[in-house]
Amino acid sequence: MATHRKRPYWIDHPDQPRWQAIRRVGDSLPDYSGGFLYKDLRGRYEEEADWIEAPPDEKEFWGAEGFTRAARWTVYQISLERQVEVPDPTTGRMLLVPAGMAGRDDLPNPLSSYEEWFVEKLPEVARTCGETVEALRAGFCSEDPFLRFRAYESVALTVGWDEFYCYPLSLTMGELNRRYRSEFSRMHSGGTLA
């Protein structure tokens, strides 16, 4: 009797992304907050990040053996959409817009209406993080997904991760280990995750 193995989902759905972890960010998981950067092996989507918030250092989450069953990790999944700086055709002010919007003449609204919501918060973010507004803008425009992540992280640390992803996952230790099994094993075996 022949056995049938189900084919991986991505084989039957070639338009779906195939994500691969390319870098570890933040602190040492699972004890502290951190995460992973991912790239789509098919090249259709911008890089993404999973930021994982560790449970707070409170007695209800920590016991003599480590984390208690009440401990939950919060996972924020964000797109690291690359931005570009373009002059506003009406005012000449430099806009920070998604790369896919720049240079298009078929947009139904003025280009300034596509400027990202966090641009107005960049002076506050720069003061909070000890960066310059110019360095943050350059980070959002970078081809390097790690530099883009650092710019998004700076905004998130000032205004909160849920401004980027308002429906985070809440995972137990077992769920966290299952979800990030390959990333954790590569981290601990001296694999390629930096």
Protein backbone atom coordinates (compact mmCIF):
# COMPACT_ATOMS: atom_id res chain seq x y z
CA MET A 1 0.00 0.00 0.00
CA ALA A 2 1.49 3.30 -1.06
CA THR A 3 1.51 6.17 1.34
CA HIS A 4 0.69 9.66 0.19
CA ARG A 5 2.67 12.55 1.60
CA LYS A 6 1.02 15.89 1.41
CA ARG A 7 3.02 18.29 -0.72
CA PRO A 8 4.20 21.52 0.90
CA TYR A 9 1.66 24.33 0.58
CA TRP A 10 4.00 26.55 -1.40
CA ILE A 11 4.37 23.99 -4.22
CA ASP A 12 0.65 24.15 -5.03
CA HIS A 13 0.49 27.92 -4.51
CA PRO A 14 3.44 29.47 -6.34
CA ASP A 15 2.20 33.03 -5.72
CA GLN A 16 2.57 32.60 -1.97
CA PRO A 17 5.82 33.74 -0.34
CA ARG A 18 8.42 31.27 0.94
CA TRP A 19 9.91 32.89 4.03
CA GLN A 20 13.43 32.19 5.23
CA ALA A 21 14.93 33.62 8.41
CA ILE A 22 17.98 35.69 7.52
CA ARG A 23 18.92 37.34 10.81
CA ARG A 24 18.24 37.37 14.52
CA VAL A 25 17.55 40.78 16.08
CA GLY A 26 17.20 42.06 19.61
CA ASP A 27 18.14 40.15 22.70
CA SER A 28 18.42 36.47 23.59
CA LEU A 29 15.11 34.64 23.16
CA PRO A 30 13.10 33.34 24.94
CA ASP A 31 14.31 35.03 28.16
CA TYR A 32 14.40 38.52 26.63
CA SER A 33 12.65 40.26 23.74
CA GLY A 34 14.03 39.76 20.25
CA GLY A 35 13.04 38.38 16.90
CA PHE A 36 13.92 37.39 13.38
CA LEU A 37 14.13 39.01 9.96
CA TYR A 38 12.74 37.06 7.01
CA LYS A 39 13.06 37.32 3.27
CA ASP A 40 10.77 35.90 0.61
CA LEU A 41 12.76 33.37 -1.40
CA ARG A 42 10.50 34.07 -4.39
CA GLY A 43 11.42 37.78 -4.29
CA ARG A 44 7.85 39.05 -4.53
CA TYR A 45 7.51 40.57 -1.07
CA GLU A 46 9.55 42.99 1.03
CA GLU A 47 11.37 41.57 4.01
CA GLU A 48 9.39 41.07 7.21
CA ALA A 49 10.20 40.86 10.90
CA ASP A 50 8.73 38.94 13.79
CA TRP A 51 9.34 40.86 17.01
CA ILE A 52 8.80 38.70 20.09
CA GLU A 53 8.13 40.40 23.41
CA ALA A 54 9.10 38.24 26.40
CA PRO A 55 6.79 38.07 29.42
CA PRO A 56 7.38 40.76 32.03
CA ASP A 57 9.65 40.01 35.00
CA GLU A 58 6.77 39.33 37.38
CA LYS A 59 6.32 36.52 39.88
CA GLU A 60 3.28 35.10 38.10
CA PHE A 61 5.43 34.37 35.01
CA TRP A 62 8.61 33.15 36.72
CA GLY A 63 9.05 30.22 39.07
CA ALA A 64 11.94 28.25 40.54
CA GLU A 65 12.17 26.23 37.31
CA GLY A 66 11.91 29.21 34.94
CA PHE A 67 8.78 30.36 33.14
CA THR A 68 5.39 29.35 34.58
CA ARG A 69 2.45 28.11 32.49
CA ALA A 70 0.90 31.58 32.69
CA ALA A 71 3.81 33.09 30.71
CA ARG A 72 2.95 34.34 27.23
CA TRP A 73 5.16 35.79 24.49
CA THR A 74 3.65 38.46 22.24
CA VAL A 75 4.59 38.24 18.56
CA TYR A 76 4.30 41.27 16.28
CA GLN A 77 4.68 40.58 12.56
CA ILE A 78 5.62 43.64 10.53
CA SER A 79 6.46 44.32 6.92
CA LEU A 80 9.74 46.17 6.47
CA GLU A 81 8.46 48.12 3.50
CA ARG A 82 11.23 50.19 1.94
CA GLN A 83 10.56 53.91 1.64
CA VAL A 84 11.97 56.48 -0.76
CA GLU A 85 12.38 60.23 -0.47
CA VAL A 86 10.74 62.21 -3.26
CA PRO A 87 9.96 65.92 -3.55
CA ASP A 88 6.34 66.89 -3.21
CA PRO A 89 5.42 68.35 -6.63
CA THR A 90 3.32 71.12 -5.05
CA THR A 91 5.44 72.20 -2.05
CA GLY A 92 8.93 70.87 -2.82
CA ARG A 93 9.09 69.29 0.68
CA MET A 94 10.78 65.88 0.76
CA LEU A 95 8.20 63.14 1.27
CA LEU A 96 8.87 59.67 2.66
CA VAL A 97 6.63 57.30 0.70
CA PRO A 98 6.59 53.54 -0.02
CA ALA A 99 9.01 52.70 -2.82
CA GLY A 100 6.16 51.33 -4.96
CA MET A 101 4.39 54.69 -5.00
CA ALA A 102 7.27 56.84 -6.23
CA GLY A 103 7.34 57.74 -9.90
CA ARG A 104 3.79 56.57 -10.60
CA ASP A 105 1.53 58.93 -12.51
CA ASP A 106 -1.60 56.78 -12.13
CA LEU A 107 -2.18 57.49 -8.42
CA PRO A 108 -5.73 58.63 -7.64
CA ASN A 109 -4.56 60.98 -4.85
CA PRO A 110 -1.71 63.46 -4.46
CA LEU A 111 1.63 61.83 -3.67
CA SER A 112 1.69 63.55 -0.26
CA SER A 113 -1.35 61.48 0.81
CA TYR A 114 0.81 58.33 0.60
CA GLU A 115 3.41 59.58 3.07
CA GLU A 116 3.76 57.19 6.01
CA TRP A 117 1.91 57.99 9.25
CA PHE A 118 5.08 57.87 11.34
CA VAL A 119 6.90 60.65 9.45
CA GLU A 120 5.36 63.32 11.68
CA LYS A 121 6.64 61.42 14.74
CA LEU A 122 10.26 61.17 13.55
CA PRO A 123 11.51 64.23 15.53
CA GLU A 124 10.13 62.70 18.75
CA VAL A 125 11.54 59.28 17.83
CA ALA A 126 14.95 60.81 17.09
CA ARG A 127 15.03 62.54 20.50
CA THR A 128 13.95 59.34 22.27
CA CYS A 129 16.43 57.06 20.49
CA GLY A 130 19.38 59.43 20.24
CA GLU A 131 19.34 59.40 16.44
CA THR A 132 18.92 62.15 13.90
CA VAL A 133 15.80 62.44 11.78
CA GLU A 134 18.05 62.16 8.70
CA ALA A 135 19.53 58.85 9.96
CA LEU A 136 16.05 57.45 10.59
CA ARG A 137 14.86 58.50 7.12
CA ALA A 138 17.97 56.93 5.60
CA GLY A 139 17.23 53.72 7.51
CA PHE A 140 13.71 53.52 6.09
CA CYS A 141 15.13 54.00 2.58
CA SER A 142 17.94 51.47 2.95
CA GLU A 143 18.21 48.37 0.77
CA ASP A 144 19.57 46.56 3.84
CA PRO A 145 16.64 44.94 5.72
CA PHE A 146 18.52 45.15 9.04
CA LEU A 147 18.91 48.94 8.74
CA ARG A 148 15.24 49.20 7.78
CA PHE A 149 14.33 47.06 10.80
CA ARG A 150 16.33 49.36 13.08
CA ALA A 151 14.38 52.39 11.79
CA TYR A 152 11.03 50.61 12.29
CA GLU A 153 12.21 49.41 15.72
CA SER A 154 13.08 52.98 16.74
CA VAL A 155 9.55 54.11 15.93
CA ALA A 156 8.01 51.08 17.65
CA LEU A 157 10.03 51.62 20.83
CA THR A 158 8.65 55.16 20.97
CA VAL A 159 4.99 54.64 19.97
CA GLY A 160 4.53 50.88 20.54
CA TRP A 161 4.75 47.80 18.33
CA ASP A 162 0.98 47.60 18.04
CA GLU A 163 1.02 50.76 15.90
CA PHE A 164 2.49 48.50 13.20
CA TYR A 165 0.59 45.30 14.00
CA CYS A 166 -2.52 45.60 16.13
CA TYR A 167 -3.38 41.87 16.26
CA PRO A 168 -0.30 40.26 17.82
CA LEU A 169 -0.08 36.58 18.57
CA SER A 170 0.04 35.45 22.20
CA LEU A 171 2.03 32.21 22.51
CA THR A 172 2.89 29.82 25.31
CA MET A 173 6.45 28.49 25.60
CA GLY A 174 5.42 25.30 23.75
CA GLU A 175 3.76 27.27 20.94
CA LEU A 176 6.78 29.57 20.70
CA ASN A 177 9.14 26.61 20.42
CA ARG A 178 7.00 24.95 17.73
CA ARG A 179 6.61 28.14 15.70
CA TYR A 180 10.32 29.04 15.77
CA ARG A 181 11.82 25.53 15.92
CA SER A 182 14.16 25.93 12.95
CA GLU A 183 15.23 29.47 13.97
CA PHE A 184 15.99 28.38 17.55
CA SER A 185 17.91 25.31 16.40
CA ARG A 186 20.01 27.39 13.98
CA MET A 187 20.66 29.94 16.75
CA HIS A 188 21.83 27.34 19.24
CA SER A 189 23.81 25.19 16.83
CA GLY A 190 25.97 28.04 15.60
CA GLY A 191 24.00 28.23 12.35
CA THR A 192 23.83 31.18 10.00
CA LEU A 193 21.51 33.47 11.95
CA ALA A 194 23.69 36.40 13.09
